[in-house]
Amino acid sequence: MINGKWLEFTSYLFYLLPNKMANLKEIRSRISSVSSTMQITAAMKMVSAAKLKKAQDAIVAMKPYAYKLKLLLEHLSAALGDENVYNPRKGEVKKVLLVPITSNRGLCGAFNASVIKKVLELEQTTYKDKRVRLYTIGKKGNDVLKKYDNIIAHNSEIFDKLTFATAAALAGELMELYTSGKYDQIVLVYNSFKNAATQILTEETFLPIQPITTSKTNNKELNTDYIYEPSKQEIVERLIPRSLKTQLFKALRDSVAAEHGARMTAMHKATDNAQDLKNELILTYNKARQATITGEIIEIVGGSEALA
């Protein structure tokens, strides 16, 4: 006849085993989930790396040209003076338009957050006493900044097919906002591409064109009487707008390359973290399974002693 101790051990066994098995099943489920996540992040890293190569080649090839064109623009601005409608106006700057350039997609670390933080910082410090409005480029920036209710326009479609034509159309809108007198200053805020792991947060005045200063050149060069071919009027109407469009196109390309670099780095770190978590879960699972086996052996031995 089975004594009371054996019944007690049997009851304990039936109570304990389901809980331990449920715990092991939960750990196995988590290991499977982490493995799936790791595969996704690794795939996203590879996709971003492929896109980064193309974007990097484009911006590296464009930067020297854009830099020289900007330098030429500064010289022209200083030489043309009041004849250039894109030069700084007389009087105090009262109305400022900030143009934050973010991405349409997330999962790229602090890429978008750094731009948003910089825009809010500029509003509260540099342009504290000014009338500040925003023209957001990119869905992520607009989603966060729209709650402040000072956005005049938004454009996220430009990244669907980024070409010089689409950038020129956007630059035309910004130039019209300046020349019409609606804003006294337009500032771009974006991440500039340095390398795959580094993005430089950049604050760049788009309009007015800042004339070259004596710190960059000497007074003799500034006072030089240039012979213009074509005329000054044609330069103002055609060359300067084209240069501004190129400047904005460069900023957009810079941001795209920086975005892919930031996402590739973020997904690389996410994959490494997932691997570490998976290793910890496997170790926990093995310990729990060993504890279950040990417990079962103890219960069997205890049951057999009780029978004896």
C-alpha atoms as a PDB file:
ATOM      1  CA  MET A   1       0.000   0.000   0.000  1.00  0.00           C
ATOM      2  CA  ILE A   2       1.261   3.449  -0.925  1.00  0.00           C
ATOM      3  CA  ASN A   3       1.913   5.544   2.143  1.00  0.00           C
ATOM      4  CA  GLY A   4       1.070   9.229   2.672  1.00  0.00           C
ATOM      5  CA  LYS A   5       4.598  10.486   1.961  1.00  0.00           C
ATOM      6  CA  TRP A   6       4.546   9.060  -1.551  1.00  0.00           C
ATOM      7  CA  LEU A   7       1.186  10.744  -2.239  1.00  0.00           C
ATOM      8  CA  GLU A   8       2.650  14.001  -1.020  1.00  0.00           C
ATOM      9  CA  PHE A   9       5.670  13.684  -3.351  1.00  0.00           C
ATOM     10  CA  THR A  10       3.434  12.734  -6.269  1.00  0.00           C
ATOM     11  CA  SER A  11       1.198  15.754  -5.736  1.00  0.00           C
ATOM     12  CA  TYR A  12       4.245  18.027  -5.544  1.00  0.00           C
ATOM     13  CA  LEU A  13       5.634  16.514  -8.783  1.00  0.00           C
ATOM     14  CA  PHE A  14       2.432  17.133 -10.731  1.00  0.00           C
ATOM     15  CA  TYR A  15       2.323  20.700  -9.416  1.00  0.00           C
ATOM     16  CA  LEU A  16       5.960  21.530 -10.143  1.00  0.00           C
ATOM     17  CA  LEU A  17       6.529  20.012 -13.588  1.00  0.00           C
ATOM     18  CA  PRO A  18       3.910  22.054 -15.525  1.00  0.00           C
ATOM     19  CA  ASN A  19       5.308  25.305 -14.102  1.00  0.00           C
ATOM     20  CA  LYS A  20       8.870  24.410 -15.024  1.00  0.00           C
ATOM     21  CA  MET A  21       7.839  23.260 -18.491  1.00  0.00           C
ATOM     22  CA  ALA A  22       5.865  26.471 -19.019  1.00  0.00           C
ATOM     23  CA  ASN A  23       8.916  28.472 -17.991  1.00  0.00           C
ATOM     24  CA  LEU A  24      11.121  26.569 -20.456  1.00  0.00           C
ATOM     25  CA  LYS A  25       8.556  27.048 -23.203  1.00  0.00           C
ATOM     26  CA  GLU A  26       8.499  30.794 -22.549  1.00  0.00           C
ATOM     27  CA  ILE A  27      12.305  31.002 -22.782  1.00  0.00           C
ATOM     28  CA  ARG A  28      12.294  28.999 -26.039  1.00  0.00           C
ATOM     29  CA  SER A  29       9.687  31.392 -27.416  1.00  0.00           C
ATOM     30  CA  ARG A  30      11.828  34.390 -26.490  1.00  0.00           C
ATOM     31  CA  ILE A  31      14.914  32.814 -28.093  1.00  0.00           C
ATOM     32  CA  SER A  32      12.931  32.282 -31.298  1.00  0.00           C
ATOM     33  CA  SER A  33      11.648  35.867 -31.207  1.00  0.00           C
ATOM     34  CA  VAL A  34      15.139  37.323 -30.689  1.00  0.00           C
ATOM     35  CA  SER A  35      16.504  35.161 -33.525  1.00  0.00           C
ATOM     36  CA  SER A  36      13.814  36.482 -35.880  1.00  0.00           C
ATOM     37  CA  THR A  37      14.564  40.065 -34.855  1.00  0.00           C
ATOM     38  CA  MET A  38      18.267  39.492 -35.408  1.00  0.00           C
ATOM     39  CA  GLN A  39      17.620  38.246 -38.947  1.00  0.00           C
ATOM     40  CA  ILE A  40      15.574  41.376 -39.701  1.00  0.00           C
ATOM     41  CA  THR A  41      18.187  43.786 -38.334  1.00  0.00           C
ATOM     42  CA  ALA A  42      20.979  41.984 -40.208  1.00  0.00           C
ATOM     43  CA  ALA A  43      18.979  42.207 -43.450  1.00  0.00           C
ATOM     44  CA  MET A  44      18.281  45.918 -42.885  1.00  0.00           C
ATOM     45  CA  LYS A  45      21.968  46.518 -42.261  1.00  0.00           C
ATOM     46  CA  MET A  46      22.852  44.902 -45.597  1.00  0.00           C
ATOM     47  CA  VAL A  47      20.204  46.911 -47.457  1.00  0.00           C
ATOM     48  CA  SER A  48      21.410  50.184 -45.896  1.00  0.00           C
ATOM     49  CA  ALA A  49      25.023  49.313 -46.726  1.00  0.00           C
ATOM     50  CA  ALA A  50      24.095  48.823 -50.386  1.00  0.00           C
ATOM     51  CA  LYS A  51      22.134  52.096 -50.508  1.00  0.00           C
ATOM     52  CA  LEU A  52      24.888  53.924 -48.637  1.00  0.00           C
ATOM     53  CA  LYS A  53      27.474  53.067 -51.293  1.00  0.00           C
ATOM     54  CA  LYS A  54      25.408  54.716 -54.023  1.00  0.00           C
ATOM     55  CA  ALA A  55      24.505  57.750 -51.884  1.00  0.00           C
ATOM     56  CA  GLN A  56      28.093  58.156 -50.693  1.00  0.00           C
ATOM     57  CA  ASP A  57      29.491  58.131 -54.236  1.00  0.00           C
ATOM     58  CA  ALA A  58      26.945  60.777 -55.262  1.00  0.00           C
ATOM     59  CA  ILE A  59      27.646  63.200 -52.407  1.00  0.00           C
ATOM     60  CA  VAL A  60      31.442  62.748 -52.487  1.00  0.00           C
ATOM     61  CA  ALA A  61      31.441  63.580 -56.199  1.00  0.00           C
ATOM     62  CA  MET A  62      29.181  66.608 -55.684  1.00  0.00           C
ATOM     63  CA  LYS A  63      30.752  68.241 -52.612  1.00  0.00           C
ATOM     64  CA  PRO A  64      33.823  69.846 -54.291  1.00  0.00           C
ATOM     65  CA  TYR A  65      31.622  71.350 -57.016  1.00  0.00           C
ATOM     66  CA  ALA A  66      29.052  72.609 -54.509  1.00  0.00           C
ATOM     67  CA  TYR A  67      31.789  74.109 -52.317  1.00  0.00           C
ATOM     68  CA  LYS A  68      33.378  76.039 -55.202  1.00  0.00           C
ATOM     69  CA  LEU A  69      29.967  77.199 -56.376  1.00  0.00           C
ATOM     70  CA  LYS A  70      29.137  78.475 -52.899  1.00  0.00           C
ATOM     71  CA  LEU A  71      32.462  80.355 -52.779  1.00  0.00           C
ATOM     72  CA  LEU A  72      31.680  81.919 -56.160  1.00  0.00           C
ATOM     73  CA  LEU A  73      28.250  82.873 -54.854  1.00  0.00           C
ATOM     74  CA  GLU A  74      29.780  84.653 -51.860  1.00  0.00           C
ATOM     75  CA  HIS A  75      32.153  86.630 -54.137  1.00  0.00           C
ATOM     76  CA  LEU A  76      29.276  87.601 -56.435  1.00  0.00           C
ATOM     77  CA  SER A  77      27.152  88.618 -53.471  1.00  0.00           C
ATOM     78  CA  ALA A  78      29.877  90.932 -52.189  1.00  0.00           C
ATOM     79  CA  ALA A  79      30.481  92.433 -55.637  1.00  0.00           C
ATOM     80  CA  LEU A  80      26.853  92.920 -56.680  1.00  0.00           C
ATOM     81  CA  GLY A  81      25.712  94.580 -53.462  1.00  0.00           C
ATOM     82  CA  ASP A  82      22.144  95.887 -53.506  1.00  0.00           C
ATOM     83  CA  GLU A  83      21.624  94.714 -57.085  1.00  0.00           C
ATOM     84  CA  ASN A  84      21.293  91.154 -55.784  1.00  0.00           C
ATOM     85  CA  VAL A  85      17.837  90.485 -54.322  1.00  0.00           C
ATOM     86  CA  TYR A  86      19.236  87.482 -52.444  1.00  0.00           C
ATOM     87  CA  ASN A  87      21.653  89.593 -50.391  1.00  0.00           C
ATOM     88  CA  PRO A  88      20.933  90.478 -46.745  1.00  0.00           C
ATOM     89  CA  ARG A  89      18.340  93.214 -46.325  1.00  0.00           C
ATOM     90  CA  LYS A  90      18.921  96.335 -44.331  1.00  0.00           C
ATOM     91  CA  GLY A  91      17.474  96.331 -40.863  1.00  0.00           C
ATOM     92  CA  GLU A  92      16.999  93.737 -38.161  1.00  0.00           C
ATOM     93  CA  VAL A  93      16.129  90.118 -38.906  1.00  0.00           C
ATOM     94  CA  LYS A  94      12.642  89.570 -37.497  1.00  0.00           C
ATOM     95  CA  LYS A  95      11.144  86.624 -39.388  1.00  0.00           C
ATOM     96  CA  VAL A  96      13.099  83.355 -39.598  1.00  0.00           C
ATOM     97  CA  LEU A  97      12.209  80.157 -41.445  1.00  0.00           C
ATOM     98  CA  LEU A  98      13.909  76.979 -40.215  1.00  0.00           C
ATOM     99  CA  VAL A  99      14.058  74.025 -42.623  1.00  0.00           C
ATOM    100  CA  PRO A 100      14.742  70.771 -40.703  1.00  0.00           C
ATOM    101  CA  ILE A 101      15.683  67.909 -43.052  1.00  0.00           C
ATOM    102  CA  THR A 102      14.862  64.504 -41.558  1.00  0.00           C
ATOM    103  CA  SER A 103      14.023  61.084 -43.007  1.00  0.00           C
ATOM    104  CA  ASN A 104      10.735  59.388 -43.873  1.00  0.00           C
ATOM    105  CA  ARG A 105      11.695  56.205 -42.019  1.00  0.00           C
ATOM    106  CA  GLY A 106      13.059  55.513 -38.565  1.00  0.00           C
ATOM    107  CA  LEU A 107      15.379  52.860 -37.110  1.00  0.00           C
ATOM    108  CA  CYS A 108      18.417  55.078 -37.710  1.00  0.00           C
ATOM    109  CA  GLY A 109      19.547  55.871 -34.193  1.00  0.00           C
ATOM    110  CA  ALA A 110      19.646  59.541 -33.185  1.00  0.00           C
ATOM    111  CA  PHE A 111      19.631  60.752 -36.806  1.00  0.00           C
ATOM    112  CA  ASN A 112      16.204  62.428 -36.673  1.00  0.00           C
ATOM    113  CA  ALA A 113      16.221  63.240 -32.958  1.00  0.00           C
ATOM    114  CA  SER A 114      19.403  65.324 -33.266  1.00  0.00           C
ATOM    115  CA  VAL A 115      17.874  67.525 -35.998  1.00  0.00           C
ATOM    116  CA  ILE A 116      14.628  68.001 -34.052  1.00  0.00           C
ATOM    117  CA  LYS A 117      16.539  68.828 -30.875  1.00  0.00           C
ATOM    118  CA  LYS A 118      18.690  71.374 -32.734  1.00  0.00           C
ATOM    119  CA  VAL A 119      15.635  73.094 -34.235  1.00  0.00           C
ATOM    120  CA  LEU A 120      13.977  73.433 -30.811  1.00  0.00           C
ATOM    121  CA  GLU A 121      17.248  74.700 -29.374  1.00  0.00           C
ATOM    122  CA  LEU A 122      17.571  77.379 -32.089  1.00  0.00           C
ATOM    123  CA  GLU A 123      14.006  78.527 -31.402  1.00  0.00           C
ATOM    124  CA  GLN A 124      14.735  78.967 -27.703  1.00  0.00           C
ATOM    125  CA  THR A 125      18.223  80.489 -27.953  1.00  0.00           C
ATOM    126  CA  THR A 126      19.527  82.008 -31.213  1.00  0.00           C
ATOM    127  CA  TYR A 127      16.107  83.091 -32.524  1.00  0.00           C
ATOM    128  CA  LYS A 128      14.375  83.531 -29.197  1.00  0.00           C
ATOM    129  CA  ASP A 129      13.132  87.052 -29.959  1.00  0.00           C
ATOM    130  CA  LYS A 130      12.301  86.342 -33.609  1.00  0.00           C
ATOM    131  CA  ARG A 131       9.140  85.128 -35.322  1.00  0.00           C
ATOM    132  CA  VAL A 132      10.150  81.559 -36.154  1.00  0.00           C
ATOM    133  CA  ARG A 133       8.307  79.247 -38.534  1.00  0.00           C
ATOM    134  CA  LEU A 134       9.183  75.772 -39.873  1.00  0.00           C
ATOM    135  CA  TYR A 135       9.190  74.182 -43.310  1.00  0.00           C
ATOM    136  CA  THR A 136       9.676  70.493 -42.527  1.00  0.00           C
ATOM    137  CA  ILE A 137      11.258  68.087 -44.999  1.00  0.00           C
ATOM    138  CA  GLY A 138      10.842  64.420 -44.072  1.00  0.00           C
ATOM    139  CA  LYS A 139       8.004  62.617 -42.309  1.00  0.00           C
ATOM    140  CA  LYS A 140       9.754  61.914 -38.994  1.00  0.00           C
ATOM    141  CA  GLY A 141      10.556  65.540 -38.258  1.00  0.00           C
ATOM    142  CA  ASN A 142       7.059  66.669 -39.188  1.00  0.00           C
ATOM    143  CA  ASP A 143       5.415  64.041 -36.955  1.00  0.00           C
ATOM    144  CA  VAL A 144       7.213  65.417 -33.885  1.00  0.00           C
ATOM    145  CA  LEU A 145       7.302  69.155 -34.666  1.00  0.00           C
ATOM    146  CA  LYS A 146       3.689  69.531 -35.848  1.00  0.00           C
ATOM    147  CA  LYS A 147       2.471  69.613 -32.236  1.00  0.00           C
ATOM    148  CA  TYR A 148       4.147  73.051 -31.838  1.00  0.00           C
ATOM    149  CA  ASP A 149       1.745  74.459 -34.457  1.00  0.00           C
ATOM    150  CA  ASN A 150       4.268  76.653 -36.307  1.00  0.00           C
ATOM    151  CA  ILE A 151       4.767  74.636 -39.512  1.00  0.00           C
ATOM    152  CA  ILE A 152       3.884  76.542 -42.697  1.00  0.00           C
ATOM    153  CA  ALA A 153       4.518  73.647 -45.115  1.00  0.00           C
ATOM    154  CA  HIS A 154       5.721  70.062 -45.262  1.00  0.00           C
ATOM    155  CA  ASN A 155       7.396  67.953 -47.949  1.00  0.00           C
ATOM    156  CA  SER A 156       8.175  64.254 -47.533  1.00  0.00           C
ATOM    157  CA  GLU A 157       7.544  63.113 -51.127  1.00  0.00           C
ATOM    158  CA  ILE A 158      10.844  64.589 -52.301  1.00  0.00           C
ATOM    159  CA  PHE A 159      12.766  61.577 -50.958  1.00  0.00           C
ATOM    160  CA  ASP A 160      10.651  59.158 -53.001  1.00  0.00           C
ATOM    161  CA  LYS A 161      12.471  60.342 -56.109  1.00  0.00           C
ATOM    162  CA  LEU A 162      15.268  62.755 -55.247  1.00  0.00           C
ATOM    163  CA  THR A 163      16.487  64.497 -58.410  1.00  0.00           C
ATOM    164  CA  PHE A 164      17.843  67.947 -59.197  1.00  0.00           C
ATOM    165  CA  ALA A 165      14.447  68.869 -60.679  1.00  0.00           C
ATOM    166  CA  THR A 166      12.543  68.080 -57.459  1.00  0.00           C
ATOM    167  CA  ALA A 167      15.189  69.843 -55.361  1.00  0.00           C
ATOM    168  CA  ALA A 168      15.051  72.868 -57.700  1.00  0.00           C
ATOM    169  CA  ALA A 169      11.279  73.110 -57.275  1.00  0.00           C
ATOM    170  CA  LEU A 170      11.650  73.096 -53.489  1.00  0.00           C
ATOM    171  CA  ALA A 171      14.470  75.669 -53.668  1.00  0.00           C
ATOM    172  CA  GLY A 172      12.234  77.853 -55.830  1.00  0.00           C
ATOM    173  CA  GLU A 173       9.584  77.837 -53.088  1.00  0.00           C
ATOM    174  CA  LEU A 174      12.129  78.890 -50.479  1.00  0.00           C
ATOM    175  CA  MET A 175      13.573  81.634 -52.710  1.00  0.00           C
ATOM    176  CA  GLU A 176      10.070  82.985 -53.326  1.00  0.00           C
ATOM    177  CA  LEU A 177       9.416  83.105 -49.569  1.00  0.00           C
ATOM    178  CA  TYR A 178      12.577  85.200 -49.148  1.00  0.00           C
ATOM    179  CA  THR A 179      12.285  87.540 -52.138  1.00  0.00           C
ATOM    180  CA  SER A 180       8.619  88.255 -51.373  1.00  0.00           C
ATOM    181  CA  GLY A 181       9.657  89.542 -47.947  1.00  0.00           C
ATOM    182  CA  LYS A 182       7.770  86.929 -45.952  1.00  0.00           C
ATOM    183  CA  TYR A 183      10.994  85.880 -44.208  1.00  0.00           C
ATOM    184  CA  ASP A 184      14.253  87.681 -43.540  1.00  0.00           C
ATOM    185  CA  GLN A 185      16.354  84.534 -43.112  1.00  0.00           C
ATOM    186  CA  ILE A 186      16.050  80.875 -44.130  1.00  0.00           C
ATOM    187  CA  VAL A 187      18.198  78.299 -42.315  1.00  0.00           C
ATOM    188  CA  LEU A 188      18.730  74.632 -43.188  1.00  0.00           C
ATOM    189  CA  VAL A 189      19.252  72.136 -40.346  1.00  0.00           C
ATOM    190  CA  TYR A 190      20.404  68.675 -41.422  1.00  0.00           C
ATOM    191  CA  ASN A 191      22.922  65.887 -40.878  1.00  0.00           C
ATOM    192  CA  SER A 192      25.974  66.131 -43.110  1.00  0.00           C
ATOM    193  CA  PHE A 193      27.673  62.904 -44.173  1.00  0.00           C
ATOM    194  CA  LYS A 194      31.252  62.354 -42.969  1.00  0.00           C
ATOM    195  CA  ASN A 195      31.511  58.574 -43.000  1.00  0.00           C
ATOM    196  CA  ALA A 196      29.304  55.557 -42.345  1.00  0.00           C
ATOM    197  CA  ALA A 197      29.625  55.913 -38.574  1.00  0.00           C
ATOM    198  CA  THR A 198      29.684  59.723 -38.268  1.00  0.00           C
ATOM    199  CA  GLN A 199      27.117  62.360 -39.170  1.00  0.00           C
ATOM    200  CA  ILE A 200      27.767  66.056 -38.552  1.00  0.00           C
ATOM    201  CA  LEU A 201      24.781  68.115 -37.432  1.00  0.00           C
ATOM    202  CA  THR A 202      24.843  71.189 -39.688  1.00  0.00           C
ATOM    203  CA  GLU A 203      23.151  74.570 -39.386  1.00  0.00           C
ATOM    204  CA  GLU A 204      23.486  76.399 -42.713  1.00  0.00           C
ATOM    205  CA  THR A 205      22.061  79.735 -43.838  1.00  0.00           C
ATOM    206  CA  PHE A 206      20.349  79.200 -47.189  1.00  0.00           C
ATOM    207  CA  LEU A 207      19.159  82.792 -47.634  1.00  0.00           C
ATOM    208  CA  PRO A 208      20.275  85.513 -47.619  1.00  0.00           C
ATOM    209  CA  ILE A 209      23.567  84.786 -49.340  1.00  0.00           C
ATOM    210  CA  GLN A 210      26.304  85.700 -46.918  1.00  0.00           C
ATOM    211  CA  PRO A 211      28.863  87.925 -48.722  1.00  0.00           C
ATOM    212  CA  ILE A 212      32.462  86.805 -48.377  1.00  0.00           C
ATOM    213  CA  THR A 213      34.136  88.557 -45.453  1.00  0.00           C
ATOM    214  CA  THR A 214      37.595  90.027 -45.022  1.00  0.00           C
ATOM    215  CA  SER A 215      38.507  87.019 -42.869  1.00  0.00           C
ATOM    216  CA  LYS A 216      38.261  84.809 -45.956  1.00  0.00           C
ATOM    217  CA  THR A 217      39.959  87.152 -48.396  1.00  0.00           C
ATOM    218  CA  ASN A 218      41.649  90.548 -48.530  1.00  0.00           C
ATOM    219  CA  ASN A 219      40.043  93.933 -49.086  1.00  0.00           C
ATOM    220  CA  LYS A 220      41.780  94.351 -52.430  1.00  0.00           C
ATOM    221  CA  GLU A 221      39.967  91.326 -53.834  1.00  0.00           C
ATOM    222  CA  LEU A 222      36.635  92.532 -52.465  1.00  0.00           C
ATOM    223  CA  ASN A 223      37.072  95.954 -54.074  1.00  0.00           C
ATOM    224  CA  THR A 224      38.035  94.536 -57.458  1.00  0.00           C
ATOM    225  CA  ASP A 225      35.935  95.887 -60.320  1.00  0.00           C
ATOM    226  CA  TYR A 226      34.815  92.779 -62.201  1.00  0.00           C
ATOM    227  CA  ILE A 227      33.827  92.696 -65.859  1.00  0.00           C
ATOM    228  CA  TYR A 228      30.630  90.654 -66.070  1.00  0.00           C
ATOM    229  CA  GLU A 229      29.802  88.404 -68.986  1.00  0.00           C
ATOM    230  CA  PRO A 230      26.840  88.052 -69.239  1.00  0.00           C
ATOM    231  CA  SER A 231      25.459  91.151 -67.545  1.00  0.00           C
ATOM    232  CA  LYS A 232      24.926  91.552 -63.810  1.00  0.00           C
ATOM    233  CA  GLN A 233      21.169  91.277 -64.329  1.00  0.00           C
ATOM    234  CA  GLU A 234      21.476  87.899 -66.051  1.00  0.00           C
ATOM    235  CA  ILE A 235      23.774  86.631 -63.297  1.00  0.00           C
ATOM    236  CA  VAL A 236      21.214  87.594 -60.647  1.00  0.00           C
ATOM    237  CA  GLU A 237      18.309  86.075 -62.604  1.00  0.00           C
ATOM    238  CA  ARG A 238      19.951  82.843 -63.760  1.00  0.00           C
ATOM    239  CA  LEU A 239      23.291  81.933 -62.174  1.00  0.00           C
ATOM    240  CA  ILE A 240      22.505  82.739 -58.547  1.00  0.00           C
ATOM    241  CA  PRO A 241      19.169  80.835 -58.462  1.00  0.00           C
ATOM    242  CA  ARG A 242      20.837  77.830 -60.093  1.00  0.00           C
ATOM    243  CA  SER A 243      23.602  77.968 -57.486  1.00  0.00           C
ATOM    244  CA  LEU A 244      21.056  78.087 -54.654  1.00  0.00           C
ATOM    245  CA  LYS A 245      19.220  75.107 -56.120  1.00  0.00           C
ATOM    246  CA  THR A 246      22.497  73.187 -56.254  1.00  0.00           C
ATOM    247  CA  GLN A 247      23.203  74.123 -52.633  1.00  0.00           C
ATOM    248  CA  LEU A 248      19.839  72.705 -51.494  1.00  0.00           C
ATOM    249  CA  PHE A 249      20.285  69.588 -53.642  1.00  0.00           C
ATOM    250  CA  LYS A 250      23.656  69.004 -51.984  1.00  0.00           C
ATOM    251  CA  ALA A 251      22.089  69.341 -48.509  1.00  0.00           C
ATOM    252  CA  LEU A 252      19.366  66.813 -49.386  1.00  0.00           C
ATOM    253  CA  ARG A 253      21.881  64.336 -50.801  1.00  0.00           C
ATOM    254  CA  ASP A 254      24.064  64.854 -47.745  1.00  0.00           C
ATOM    255  CA  SER A 255      21.110  64.023 -45.502  1.00  0.00           C
ATOM    256  CA  VAL A 256      20.220  60.883 -47.495  1.00  0.00           C
ATOM    257  CA  ALA A 257      23.782  59.536 -47.299  1.00  0.00           C
ATOM    258  CA  ALA A 258      23.946  60.344 -43.576  1.00  0.00           C
ATOM    259  CA  GLU A 259      20.608  58.576 -43.030  1.00  0.00           C
ATOM    260  CA  HIS A 260      21.794  55.337 -44.653  1.00  0.00           C
ATOM    261  CA  GLY A 261      25.040  55.495 -42.676  1.00  0.00           C
ATOM    262  CA  ALA A 262      23.165  56.052 -39.413  1.00  0.00           C
ATOM    263  CA  ARG A 263      20.725  53.210 -40.148  1.00  0.00           C
ATOM    264  CA  MET A 264      23.515  50.808 -41.083  1.00  0.00           C
ATOM    265  CA  THR A 265      25.349  51.596 -37.842  1.00  0.00           C
ATOM    266  CA  ALA A 266      22.152  51.329 -35.771  1.00  0.00           C
ATOM    267  CA  MET A 267      21.212  47.970 -37.306  1.00  0.00           C
ATOM    268  CA  HIS A 268      24.753  46.668 -36.788  1.00  0.00           C
ATOM    269  CA  LYS A 269      24.533  47.539 -33.077  1.00  0.00           C
ATOM    270  CA  ALA A 270      21.012  46.100 -32.863  1.00  0.00           C
ATOM    271  CA  THR A 271      22.210  42.812 -34.379  1.00  0.00           C
ATOM    272  CA  ASP A 272      25.097  42.614 -31.906  1.00  0.00           C
ATOM    273  CA  ASN A 273      22.753  43.356 -28.979  1.00  0.00           C
ATOM    274  CA  ALA A 274      20.296  40.715 -30.195  1.00  0.00           C
ATOM    275  CA  GLN A 275      23.098  38.153 -30.381  1.00  0.00           C
ATOM    276  CA  ASP A 276      24.167  38.976 -26.808  1.00  0.00           C
ATOM    277  CA  LEU A 277      20.579  38.675 -25.596  1.00  0.00           C
ATOM    278  CA  LYS A 278      20.146  35.370 -27.423  1.00  0.00           C
ATOM    279  CA  ASN A 279      23.293  33.981 -25.804  1.00  0.00           C
ATOM    280  CA  GLU A 280      22.035  35.020 -22.360  1.00  0.00           C
ATOM    281  CA  LEU A 281      18.638  33.400 -23.010  1.00  0.00           C
ATOM    282  CA  ILE A 282      20.256  30.158 -24.202  1.00  0.00           C
ATOM    283  CA  LEU A 283      22.352  30.068 -21.025  1.00  0.00           C
ATOM    284  CA  THR A 284      19.249  30.729 -18.895  1.00  0.00           C
ATOM    285  CA  TYR A 285      17.350  28.028 -20.773  1.00  0.00           C
ATOM    286  CA  ASN A 286      20.116  25.467 -20.237  1.00  0.00           C
ATOM    287  CA  LYS A 287      20.281  26.292 -16.528  1.00  0.00           C
ATOM    288  CA  ALA A 288      16.508  26.017 -16.168  1.00  0.00           C
ATOM    289  CA  ARG A 289      16.412  22.725 -18.062  1.00  0.00           C
ATOM    290  CA  GLN A 290      19.229  21.331 -15.919  1.00  0.00           C
ATOM    291  CA  ALA A 291      17.418  22.457 -12.782  1.00  0.00           C
ATOM    292  CA  THR A 292      14.260  20.702 -13.999  1.00  0.00           C
ATOM    293  CA  ILE A 293      16.131  17.463 -14.664  1.00  0.00           C
ATOM    294  CA  THR A 294      17.833  17.641 -11.281  1.00  0.00           C
ATOM    295  CA  GLY A 295      14.515  18.267  -9.572  1.00  0.00           C
ATOM    296  CA  GLU A 296      12.919  15.284 -11.306  1.00  0.00           C
ATOM    297  CA  ILE A 297      15.789  13.015 -10.243  1.00  0.00           C
ATOM    298  CA  ILE A 298      15.491  14.195  -6.639  1.00  0.00           C
ATOM    299  CA  GLU A 299      11.746  13.572  -6.698  1.00  0.00           C
ATOM    300  CA  ILE A 300      12.160  10.072  -8.112  1.00  0.00           C
ATOM    301  CA  VAL A 301      14.818   9.216  -5.533  1.00  0.00           C
ATOM    302  CA  GLY A 302      12.713  10.702  -2.771  1.00  0.00           C
ATOM    303  CA  GLY A 303       9.679   8.726  -3.952  1.00  0.00           C
ATOM    304  CA  SER A 304      11.604   5.477  -4.053  1.00  0.00           C
ATOM    305  CA  GLU A 305      12.948   6.086  -0.531  1.00  0.00           C
ATOM    306  CA  ALA A 306       9.445   6.779   0.657  1.00  0.00           C
ATOM    307  CA  LEU A 307       8.274   3.475  -0.789  1.00  0.00           C
ATOM    308  CA  ALA A 308      11.169   1.699   0.874  1.00  0.00           C
END
